[in-house]
Amino acid sequence: MQVELSAFVATDLEAIADYIAQGNPPRALTFIREIRAKIRLVGKQPQIYQLRPELGEGARVAVVGRYLILFRIVGEIVRIERVVYGGRDLPALFQ
């Protein structure tokens, strides 16, 4: 399926990289690569990720370490809505 990124994703990834880079700049780069690789995997088989209706209509979540990729399947498009730390208030982010 085609993967589409919301306007929030670039900012989310930048914030994650900045946070990790404070303690380990090389790891910031490799972790962002891991997230991008997971996004590609989500695009190949989005249906294998469980629905999370408590987060919103059609919401699904993929996990990368302590971070979550929040997405929906819209027709033939996998729309990545956010990439966030798992400890955040997820329902508020997925509106």
PDB file of N, CA and C in Angstrom:
ATOM      1  N   MET A   1       0.834  -1.189   0.000  1.00  0.00           N
ATOM      2  CA  MET A   1       0.000   0.000   0.000  1.00  0.00           C
ATOM      3  C   MET A   1       0.878   1.252   0.000  1.00  0.00           C
ATOM      4  N   GLN A   2       0.304   2.312  -0.461  1.00  0.00           N
ATOM      5  CA  GLN A   2       1.001   3.590  -0.452  1.00  0.00           C
ATOM      6  C   GLN A   2       0.995   4.156   0.967  1.00  0.00           C
ATOM      7  N   VAL A   3       2.108   4.728   1.390  1.00  0.00           N
ATOM      8  CA  VAL A   3       2.230   5.343   2.716  1.00  0.00           C
ATOM      9  C   VAL A   3       2.201   6.853   2.553  1.00  0.00           C
ATOM     10  N   GLU A   4       1.369   7.475   3.365  1.00  0.00           N
ATOM     11  CA  GLU A   4       1.259   8.934   3.374  1.00  0.00           C
ATOM     12  C   GLU A   4       1.545   9.412   4.792  1.00  0.00           C
ATOM     13  N   LEU A   5       2.364  10.442   4.908  1.00  0.00           N
ATOM     14  CA  LEU A   5       2.722  10.987   6.218  1.00  0.00           C
ATOM     15  C   LEU A   5       1.950  12.267   6.476  1.00  0.00           C
ATOM     16  N   SER A   6       1.387  12.392   7.681  1.00  0.00           N
ATOM     17  CA  SER A   6       0.715  13.641   8.042  1.00  0.00           C
ATOM     18  C   SER A   6       1.756  14.739   8.203  1.00  0.00           C
ATOM     19  N   ALA A   7       1.285  15.962   8.310  1.00  0.00           N
ATOM     20  CA  ALA A   7       2.180  17.105   8.490  1.00  0.00           C
ATOM     21  C   ALA A   7       2.921  17.046   9.825  1.00  0.00           C
ATOM     22  N   PHE A   8       2.417  16.270  10.788  1.00  0.00           N
ATOM     23  CA  PHE A   8       3.038  16.169  12.106  1.00  0.00           C
ATOM     24  C   PHE A   8       4.280  15.280  12.128  1.00  0.00           C
ATOM     25  N   VAL A   9       4.383  14.333  11.217  1.00  0.00           N
ATOM     26  CA  VAL A   9       5.422  13.302  11.300  1.00  0.00           C
ATOM     27  C   VAL A   9       6.831  13.871  11.219  1.00  0.00           C
ATOM     28  N   ALA A  10       7.079  14.784  10.325  1.00  0.00           N
ATOM     29  CA  ALA A  10       8.430  15.364  10.202  1.00  0.00           C
ATOM     30  C   ALA A  10       8.845  16.036  11.505  1.00  0.00           C
ATOM     31  N   THR A  11       7.937  16.781  12.108  1.00  0.00           N
ATOM     32  CA  THR A  11       8.219  17.446  13.375  1.00  0.00           C
ATOM     33  C   THR A  11       8.421  16.433  14.492  1.00  0.00           C
ATOM     34  N   ASP A  12       7.585  15.377  14.497  1.00  0.00           N
ATOM     35  CA  ASP A  12       7.735  14.324  15.510  1.00  0.00           C
ATOM     36  C   ASP A  12       9.115  13.683  15.431  1.00  0.00           C
ATOM     37  N   LEU A  13       9.542  13.320  14.214  1.00  0.00           N
ATOM     38  CA  LEU A  13      10.838  12.667  14.045  1.00  0.00           C
ATOM     39  C   LEU A  13      11.988  13.601  14.426  1.00  0.00           C
ATOM     40  N   GLU A  14      11.861  14.860  14.094  1.00  0.00           N
ATOM     41  CA  GLU A  14      12.893  15.830  14.454  1.00  0.00           C
ATOM     42  C   GLU A  14      13.003  15.962  15.977  1.00  0.00           C
ATOM     43  N   ALA A  15      11.861  16.008  16.664  1.00  0.00           N
ATOM     44  CA  ALA A  15      11.868  16.128  18.125  1.00  0.00           C
ATOM     45  C   ALA A  15      12.469  14.883  18.773  1.00  0.00           C
ATOM     46  N   ILE A  16      12.142  13.715  18.241  1.00  0.00           N
ATOM     47  CA  ILE A  16      12.707  12.467  18.765  1.00  0.00           C
ATOM     48  C   ILE A  16      14.223  12.459  18.578  1.00  0.00           C
ATOM     49  N   ALA A  17      14.666  12.816  17.382  1.00  0.00           N
ATOM     50  CA  ALA A  17      16.108  12.845  17.103  1.00  0.00           C
ATOM     51  C   ALA A  17      16.825  13.842  18.002  1.00  0.00           C
ATOM     52  N   ASP A  18      16.241  15.017  18.184  1.00  0.00           N
ATOM     53  CA  ASP A  18      16.858  16.033  19.043  1.00  0.00           C
ATOM     54  C   ASP A  18      16.981  15.533  20.475  1.00  0.00           C
ATOM     55  N   TYR A  19      15.938  14.878  20.974  1.00  0.00           N
ATOM     56  CA  TYR A  19      15.948  14.378  22.350  1.00  0.00           C
ATOM     57  C   TYR A  19      17.037  13.314  22.529  1.00  0.00           C
ATOM     58  N   ILE A  20      17.091  12.354  21.625  1.00  0.00           N
ATOM     59  CA  ILE A  20      18.083  11.278  21.733  1.00  0.00           C
ATOM     60  C   ILE A  20      19.496  11.825  21.544  1.00  0.00           C
ATOM     61  N   ALA A  21      19.638  12.787  20.642  1.00  0.00           N
ATOM     62  CA  ALA A  21      20.956  13.350  20.341  1.00  0.00           C
ATOM     63  C   ALA A  21      21.573  14.064  21.534  1.00  0.00           C
ATOM     64  N   GLN A  22      20.769  14.494  22.491  1.00  0.00           N
ATOM     65  CA  GLN A  22      21.318  15.144  23.685  1.00  0.00           C
ATOM     66  C   GLN A  22      22.278  14.218  24.422  1.00  0.00           C
ATOM     67  N   GLY A  23      21.986  12.924  24.388  1.00  0.00           N
ATOM     68  CA  GLY A  23      22.842  11.973  25.085  1.00  0.00           C
ATOM     69  C   GLY A  23      23.677  11.099  24.183  1.00  0.00           C
ATOM     70  N   ASN A  24      23.241  10.946  22.918  1.00  0.00           N
ATOM     71  CA  ASN A  24      23.928  10.012  22.032  1.00  0.00           C
ATOM     72  C   ASN A  24      23.622  10.357  20.566  1.00  0.00           C
ATOM     73  N   PRO A  25      24.332  11.327  19.994  1.00  0.00           N
ATOM     74  CA  PRO A  25      24.047  11.756  18.619  1.00  0.00           C
ATOM     75  C   PRO A  25      24.052  10.628  17.584  1.00  0.00           C
ATOM     76  N   PRO A  26      25.015   9.696  17.597  1.00  0.00           N
ATOM     77  CA  PRO A  26      24.964   8.633  16.596  1.00  0.00           C
ATOM     78  C   PRO A  26      23.702   7.765  16.723  1.00  0.00           C
ATOM     79  N   ARG A  27      23.264   7.528  17.954  1.00  0.00           N
ATOM     80  CA  ARG A  27      22.067   6.713  18.151  1.00  0.00           C
ATOM     81  C   ARG A  27      20.823   7.427  17.636  1.00  0.00           C
ATOM     82  N   ALA A  28      20.806   8.741  17.718  1.00  0.00           N
ATOM     83  CA  ALA A  28      19.666   9.499  17.195  1.00  0.00           C
ATOM     84  C   ALA A  28      19.476   9.186  15.712  1.00  0.00           C
ATOM     85  N   LEU A  29      20.556   9.167  14.966  1.00  0.00           N
ATOM     86  CA  LEU A  29      20.461   8.872  13.530  1.00  0.00           C
ATOM     87  C   LEU A  29      20.002   7.450  13.268  1.00  0.00           C
ATOM     88  N   THR A  30      20.563   6.495  13.978  1.00  0.00           N
ATOM     89  CA  THR A  30      20.186   5.098  13.725  1.00  0.00           C
ATOM     90  C   THR A  30      18.755   4.827  14.172  1.00  0.00           C
ATOM     91  N   PHE A  31      18.306   5.481  15.248  1.00  0.00           N
ATOM     92  CA  PHE A  31      16.944   5.248  15.710  1.00  0.00           C
ATOM     93  C   PHE A  31      15.927   5.809  14.728  1.00  0.00           C
ATOM     94  N   ILE A  32      16.190   6.966  14.172  1.00  0.00           N
ATOM     95  CA  ILE A  32      15.280   7.527  13.165  1.00  0.00           C
ATOM     96  C   ILE A  32      15.234   6.606  11.943  1.00  0.00           C
ATOM     97  N   ARG A  33      16.359   6.017  11.589  1.00  0.00           N
ATOM     98  CA  ARG A  33      16.359   5.039  10.484  1.00  0.00           C
ATOM     99  C   ARG A  33      15.483   3.830  10.827  1.00  0.00           C
ATOM    100  N   GLU A  34      15.551   3.380  12.084  1.00  0.00           N
ATOM    101  CA  GLU A  34      14.706   2.259  12.516  1.00  0.00           C
ATOM    102  C   GLU A  34      13.227   2.610  12.416  1.00  0.00           C
ATOM    103  N   ILE A  35      12.879   3.818  12.819  1.00  0.00           N
ATOM    104  CA  ILE A  35      11.480   4.255  12.719  1.00  0.00           C
ATOM    105  C   ILE A  35      11.045   4.294  11.260  1.00  0.00           C
ATOM    106  N   ARG A  36      11.873   4.854  10.396  1.00  0.00           N
ATOM    107  CA  ARG A  36      11.522   4.919   8.969  1.00  0.00           C
ATOM    108  C   ARG A  36      11.382   3.522   8.358  1.00  0.00           C
ATOM    109  N   ALA A  37      12.233   2.594   8.777  1.00  0.00           N
ATOM    110  CA  ALA A  37      12.129   1.210   8.297  1.00  0.00           C
ATOM    111  C   ALA A  37      10.816   0.588   8.760  1.00  0.00           C
ATOM    112  N   LYS A  38      10.428   0.853  10.001  1.00  0.00           N
ATOM    113  CA  LYS A  38       9.169   0.319  10.519  1.00  0.00           C
ATOM    114  C   LYS A  38       7.987   0.916   9.772  1.00  0.00           C
ATOM    115  N   ILE A  39       8.056   2.184   9.427  1.00  0.00           N
ATOM    116  CA  ILE A  39       6.991   2.814   8.646  1.00  0.00           C
ATOM    117  C   ILE A  39       6.846   2.102   7.306  1.00  0.00           C
ATOM    118  N   ARG A  40       7.970   1.762   6.676  1.00  0.00           N
ATOM    119  CA  ARG A  40       7.903   1.022   5.407  1.00  0.00           C
ATOM    120  C   ARG A  40       7.249  -0.344   5.606  1.00  0.00           C
ATOM    121  N   LEU A  41       7.586  -1.027   6.703  1.00  0.00           N
ATOM    122  CA  LEU A  41       6.968  -2.328   7.001  1.00  0.00           C
ATOM    123  C   LEU A  41       5.469  -2.189   7.234  1.00  0.00           C
ATOM    124  N   VAL A  42       5.083  -1.161   7.949  1.00  0.00           N
ATOM    125  CA  VAL A  42       3.658  -0.908   8.182  1.00  0.00           C
ATOM    126  C   VAL A  42       2.943  -0.754   6.843  1.00  0.00           C
ATOM    127  N   GLY A  43       3.566  -0.069   5.915  1.00  0.00           N
ATOM    128  CA  GLY A  43       2.962   0.131   4.595  1.00  0.00           C
ATOM    129  C   GLY A  43       2.772  -1.158   3.817  1.00  0.00           C
ATOM    130  N   LYS A  44       3.594  -2.159   4.088  1.00  0.00           N
ATOM    131  CA  LYS A  44       3.489  -3.434   3.366  1.00  0.00           C
ATOM    132  C   LYS A  44       2.388  -4.325   3.920  1.00  0.00           C
ATOM    133  N   GLN A  45       2.178  -4.315   5.236  1.00  0.00           N
ATOM    134  CA  GLN A  45       1.169  -5.177   5.856  1.00  0.00           C
ATOM    135  C   GLN A  45       0.475  -4.454   7.007  1.00  0.00           C
ATOM    136  N   PRO A  46      -0.252  -3.396   6.733  1.00  0.00           N
ATOM    137  CA  PRO A  46      -0.845  -2.612   7.816  1.00  0.00           C
ATOM    138  C   PRO A  46      -1.924  -3.367   8.598  1.00  0.00           C
ATOM    139  N   GLN A  47      -2.554  -4.329   7.975  1.00  0.00           N
ATOM    140  CA  GLN A  47      -3.649  -5.045   8.633  1.00  0.00           C
ATOM    141  C   GLN A  47      -3.184  -5.936   9.783  1.00  0.00           C
ATOM    142  N   ILE A  48      -1.891  -6.239   9.859  1.00  0.00           N
ATOM    143  CA  ILE A  48      -1.430  -7.115  10.940  1.00  0.00           C
ATOM    144  C   ILE A  48      -1.376  -6.392  12.283  1.00  0.00           C
ATOM    145  N   TYR A  49      -1.486  -5.078  12.257  1.00  0.00           N
ATOM    146  CA  TYR A  49      -1.462  -4.304  13.495  1.00  0.00           C
ATOM    147  C   TYR A  49      -2.881  -4.164  14.025  1.00  0.00           C
ATOM    148  N   GLN A  50      -3.029  -4.419  15.310  1.00  0.00           N
ATOM    149  CA  GLN A  50      -4.348  -4.451  15.933  1.00  0.00           C
ATOM    150  C   GLN A  50      -5.018  -3.085  15.922  1.00  0.00           C
ATOM    151  N   LEU A  51      -6.326  -3.105  15.700  1.00  0.00           N
ATOM    152  CA  LEU A  51      -7.112  -1.881  15.810  1.00  0.00           C
ATOM    153  C   LEU A  51      -7.087  -1.406  17.255  1.00  0.00           C
ATOM    154  N   ARG A  52      -7.043  -0.091  17.425  1.00  0.00           N
ATOM    155  CA  ARG A  52      -7.032   0.521  18.767  1.00  0.00           C
ATOM    156  C   ARG A  52      -8.152   1.564  18.834  1.00  0.00           C
ATOM    157  N   PRO A  53      -9.401   1.112  18.907  1.00  0.00           N
ATOM    158  CA  PRO A  53     -10.536   2.039  18.862  1.00  0.00           C
ATOM    159  C   PRO A  53     -10.541   3.076  19.981  1.00  0.00           C
ATOM    160  N   GLU A  54      -9.877   2.792  21.102  1.00  0.00           N
ATOM    161  CA  GLU A  54      -9.827   3.768  22.191  1.00  0.00           C
ATOM    162  C   GLU A  54      -9.029   5.010  21.802  1.00  0.00           C
ATOM    163  N   LEU A  55      -8.250   4.911  20.724  1.00  0.00           N
ATOM    164  CA  LEU A  55      -7.450   6.043  20.250  1.00  0.00           C
ATOM    165  C   LEU A  55      -8.158   6.849  19.167  1.00  0.00           C
ATOM    166  N   GLY A  56      -9.163   6.257  18.548  1.00  0.00           N
ATOM    167  CA  GLY A  56      -9.877   6.939  17.478  1.00  0.00           C
ATOM    168  C   GLY A  56     -10.328   5.943  16.436  1.00  0.00           C
ATOM    169  N   GLU A  57     -11.196   6.393  15.580  1.00  0.00           N
ATOM    170  CA  GLU A  57     -11.749   5.530  14.543  1.00  0.00           C
ATOM    171  C   GLU A  57     -10.654   5.048  13.588  1.00  0.00           C
ATOM    172  N   GLY A  58     -10.547   3.729  13.441  1.00  0.00           N
ATOM    173  CA  GLY A  58      -9.577   3.138  12.528  1.00  0.00           C
ATOM    174  C   GLY A  58      -8.135   3.195  13.003  1.00  0.00           C
ATOM    175  N   ALA A  59      -7.916   3.594  14.246  1.00  0.00           N
ATOM    176  CA  ALA A  59      -6.554   3.767  14.752  1.00  0.00           C
ATOM    177  C   ALA A  59      -5.836   2.430  14.903  1.00  0.00           C
ATOM    178  N   ARG A  60      -4.572   2.418  14.528  1.00  0.00           N
ATOM    179  CA  ARG A  60      -3.683   1.277  14.713  1.00  0.00           C
ATOM    180  C   ARG A  60      -2.345   1.797  15.215  1.00  0.00           C
ATOM    181  N   VAL A  61      -1.562   0.911  15.847  1.00  0.00           N
ATOM    182  CA  VAL A  61      -0.291   1.324  16.432  1.00  0.00           C
ATOM    183  C   VAL A  61       0.782   0.291  16.120  1.00  0.00           C
ATOM    184  N   ALA A  62       1.944   0.777  15.698  1.00  0.00           N
ATOM    185  CA  ALA A  62       3.143  -0.059  15.546  1.00  0.00           C
ATOM    186  C   ALA A  62       4.162   0.452  16.557  1.00  0.00           C
ATOM    187  N   VAL A  63       4.918  -0.465  17.144  1.00  0.00           N
ATOM    188  CA  VAL A  63       5.852  -0.112  18.216  1.00  0.00           C
ATOM    189  C   VAL A  63       7.295  -0.176  17.720  1.00  0.00           C
ATOM    190  N   VAL A  64       8.084   0.838  18.103  1.00  0.00           N
ATOM    191  CA  VAL A  64       9.525   0.869  17.859  1.00  0.00           C
ATOM    192  C   VAL A  64      10.162   1.310  19.165  1.00  0.00           C
ATOM    193  N   GLY A  65      10.676   0.358  19.913  1.00  0.00           N
ATOM    194  CA  GLY A  65      11.218   0.679  21.229  1.00  0.00           C
ATOM    195  C   GLY A  65      10.131   1.245  22.116  1.00  0.00           C
ATOM    196  N   ARG A  66      10.357   2.438  22.643  1.00  0.00           N
ATOM    197  CA  ARG A  66       9.369   3.104  23.498  1.00  0.00           C
ATOM    198  C   ARG A  66       8.482   4.069  22.718  1.00  0.00           C
ATOM    199  N   TYR A  67       8.623   4.062  21.413  1.00  0.00           N
ATOM    200  CA  TYR A  67       7.881   4.988  20.578  1.00  0.00           C
ATOM    201  C   TYR A  67       6.810   4.253  19.781  1.00  0.00           C
ATOM    202  N   LEU A  68       5.773   4.995  19.422  1.00  0.00           N
ATOM    203  CA  LEU A  68       4.638   4.426  18.712  1.00  0.00           C
ATOM    204  C   LEU A  68       4.412   5.156  17.397  1.00  0.00           C
ATOM    205  N   ILE A  69       4.096   4.370  16.390  1.00  0.00           N
ATOM    206  CA  ILE A  69       3.678   4.912  15.101  1.00  0.00           C
ATOM    207  C   ILE A  69       2.167   4.772  15.071  1.00  0.00           C
ATOM    208  N   LEU A  70       1.468   5.899  15.078  1.00  0.00           N
ATOM    209  CA  LEU A  70       0.010   5.906  15.058  1.00  0.00           C
ATOM    210  C   LEU A  70      -0.443   6.080  13.617  1.00  0.00           C
ATOM    211  N   PHE A  71      -1.315   5.165  13.154  1.00  0.00           N
ATOM    212  CA  PHE A  71      -1.721   5.238  11.753  1.00  0.00           C
ATOM    213  C   PHE A  71      -3.133   4.726  11.538  1.00  0.00           C
ATOM    214  N   ARG A  72      -3.648   4.997  10.335  1.00  0.00           N
ATOM    215  CA  ARG A  72      -4.945   4.530   9.876  1.00  0.00           C
ATOM    216  C   ARG A  72      -4.782   3.982   8.464  1.00  0.00           C
ATOM    217  N   ILE A  73      -5.677   3.105   8.096  1.00  0.00           N
ATOM    218  CA  ILE A  73      -5.769   2.648   6.712  1.00  0.00           C
ATOM    219  C   ILE A  73      -6.966   3.369   6.112  1.00  0.00           C
ATOM    220  N   VAL A  74      -6.712   4.133   5.048  1.00  0.00           N
ATOM    221  CA  VAL A  74      -7.764   4.892   4.388  1.00  0.00           C
ATOM    222  C   VAL A  74      -7.798   4.443   2.933  1.00  0.00           C
ATOM    223  N   GLY A  75      -8.708   3.529   2.617  1.00  0.00           N
ATOM    224  CA  GLY A  75      -8.750   2.973   1.269  1.00  0.00           C
ATOM    225  C   GLY A  75      -7.488   2.188   0.997  1.00  0.00           C
ATOM    226  N   GLU A  76      -6.733   2.606   0.007  1.00  0.00           N
ATOM    227  CA  GLU A  76      -5.477   1.955  -0.351  1.00  0.00           C
ATOM    228  C   GLU A  76      -4.260   2.706   0.184  1.00  0.00           C
ATOM    229  N   ILE A  77      -4.497   3.608   1.123  1.00  0.00           N
ATOM    230  CA  ILE A  77      -3.415   4.427   1.671  1.00  0.00           C
ATOM    231  C   ILE A  77      -3.249   4.136   3.160  1.00  0.00           C
ATOM    232  N   VAL A  78      -2.008   3.988   3.584  1.00  0.00           N
ATOM    233  CA  VAL A  78      -1.679   3.911   5.005  1.00  0.00           C
ATOM    234  C   VAL A  78      -1.249   5.318   5.400  1.00  0.00           C
ATOM    235  N   ARG A  79      -2.053   5.938   6.231  1.00  0.00           N
ATOM    236  CA  ARG A  79      -1.765   7.314   6.647  1.00  0.00           C
ATOM    237  C   ARG A  79      -1.127   7.296   8.034  1.00  0.00           C
ATOM    238  N   ILE A  80       0.149   7.657   8.080  1.00  0.00           N
ATOM    239  CA  ILE A  80       0.877   7.767   9.342  1.00  0.00           C
ATOM    240  C   ILE A  80       0.514   9.122   9.940  1.00  0.00           C
ATOM    241  N   GLU A  81      -0.139   9.078  11.104  1.00  0.00           N
ATOM    242  CA  GLU A  81      -0.618  10.316  11.717  1.00  0.00           C
ATOM    243  C   GLU A  81       0.423  10.950  12.627  1.00  0.00           C
ATOM    244  N   ARG A  82       1.056  10.143  13.482  1.00  0.00           N
ATOM    245  CA  ARG A  82       2.029  10.657  14.446  1.00  0.00           C
ATOM    246  C   ARG A  82       3.058   9.586  14.757  1.00  0.00           C
ATOM    247  N   VAL A  83       4.217  10.005  15.233  1.00  0.00           N
ATOM    248  CA  VAL A  83       5.238   9.126  15.803  1.00  0.00           C
ATOM    249  C   VAL A  83       5.589   9.760  17.148  1.00  0.00           C
ATOM    250  N   VAL A  84       5.240   9.059  18.231  1.00  0.00           N
ATOM    251  CA  VAL A  84       5.324   9.683  19.553  1.00  0.00           C
ATOM    252  C   VAL A  84       5.850   8.717  20.605  1.00  0.00           C
ATOM    253  N   TYR A  85       6.294   9.289  21.713  1.00  0.00           N
ATOM    254  CA  TYR A  85       6.691   8.509  22.877  1.00  0.00           C
ATOM    255  C   TYR A  85       5.444   7.818  23.431  1.00  0.00           C
ATOM    256  N   GLY A  86       5.562   6.565  23.777  1.00  0.00           N
ATOM    257  CA  GLY A  86       4.420   5.770  24.218  1.00  0.00           C
ATOM    258  C   GLY A  86       3.794   6.207  25.519  1.00  0.00           C
ATOM    259  N   GLY A  87       4.473   7.007  26.314  1.00  0.00           N
ATOM    260  CA  GLY A  87       3.933   7.459  27.585  1.00  0.00           C
ATOM    261  C   GLY A  87       3.057   8.691  27.492  1.00  0.00           C
ATOM    262  N   ARG A  88       2.854   9.196  26.296  1.00  0.00           N
ATOM    263  CA  ARG A  88       2.037  10.410  26.135  1.00  0.00           C
ATOM    264  C   ARG A  88       0.552  10.093  26.160  1.00  0.00           C
ATOM    265  N   ASP A  89      -0.273  11.118  26.225  1.00  0.00           N
ATOM    266  CA  ASP A  89      -1.730  10.976  26.190  1.00  0.00           C
ATOM    267  C   ASP A  89      -2.133  10.697  24.746  1.00  0.00           C
ATOM    268  N   LEU A  90      -2.195   9.410  24.391  1.00  0.00           N
ATOM    269  CA  LEU A  90      -2.403   9.025  23.001  1.00  0.00           C
ATOM    270  C   LEU A  90      -3.748   9.442  22.426  1.00  0.00           C
ATOM    271  N   PRO A  91      -4.878   9.290  23.122  1.00  0.00           N
ATOM    272  CA  PRO A  91      -6.144   9.705  22.517  1.00  0.00           C
ATOM    273  C   PRO A  91      -6.159  11.184  22.120  1.00  0.00           C
ATOM    274  N   ALA A  92      -5.478  12.017  22.884  1.00  0.00           N
ATOM    275  CA  ALA A  92      -5.436  13.444  22.554  1.00  0.00           C
ATOM    276  C   ALA A  92      -4.631  13.709  21.285  1.00  0.00           C
ATOM    277  N   LEU A  93      -3.693  12.838  20.952  1.00  0.00           N
ATOM    278  CA  LEU A  93      -2.841  13.039  19.777  1.00  0.00           C
ATOM    279  C   LEU A  93      -3.464  12.520  18.494  1.00  0.00           C
ATOM    280  N   PHE A  94      -4.423  11.644  18.601  1.00  0.00           N
ATOM    281  CA  PHE A  94      -4.928  10.916  17.440  1.00  0.00           C
ATOM    282  C   PHE A  94      -6.339  11.367  17.088  1.00  0.00           C
ATOM    283  N   GLN A  95      -6.531  12.664  16.986  1.00  0.00           N
ATOM    284  CA  GLN A  95      -7.860  13.194  16.657  1.00  0.00           C
ATOM    285  C   GLN A  95      -7.921  13.681  15.238  1.00  0.00           C
TER     286      GLN A  95
END
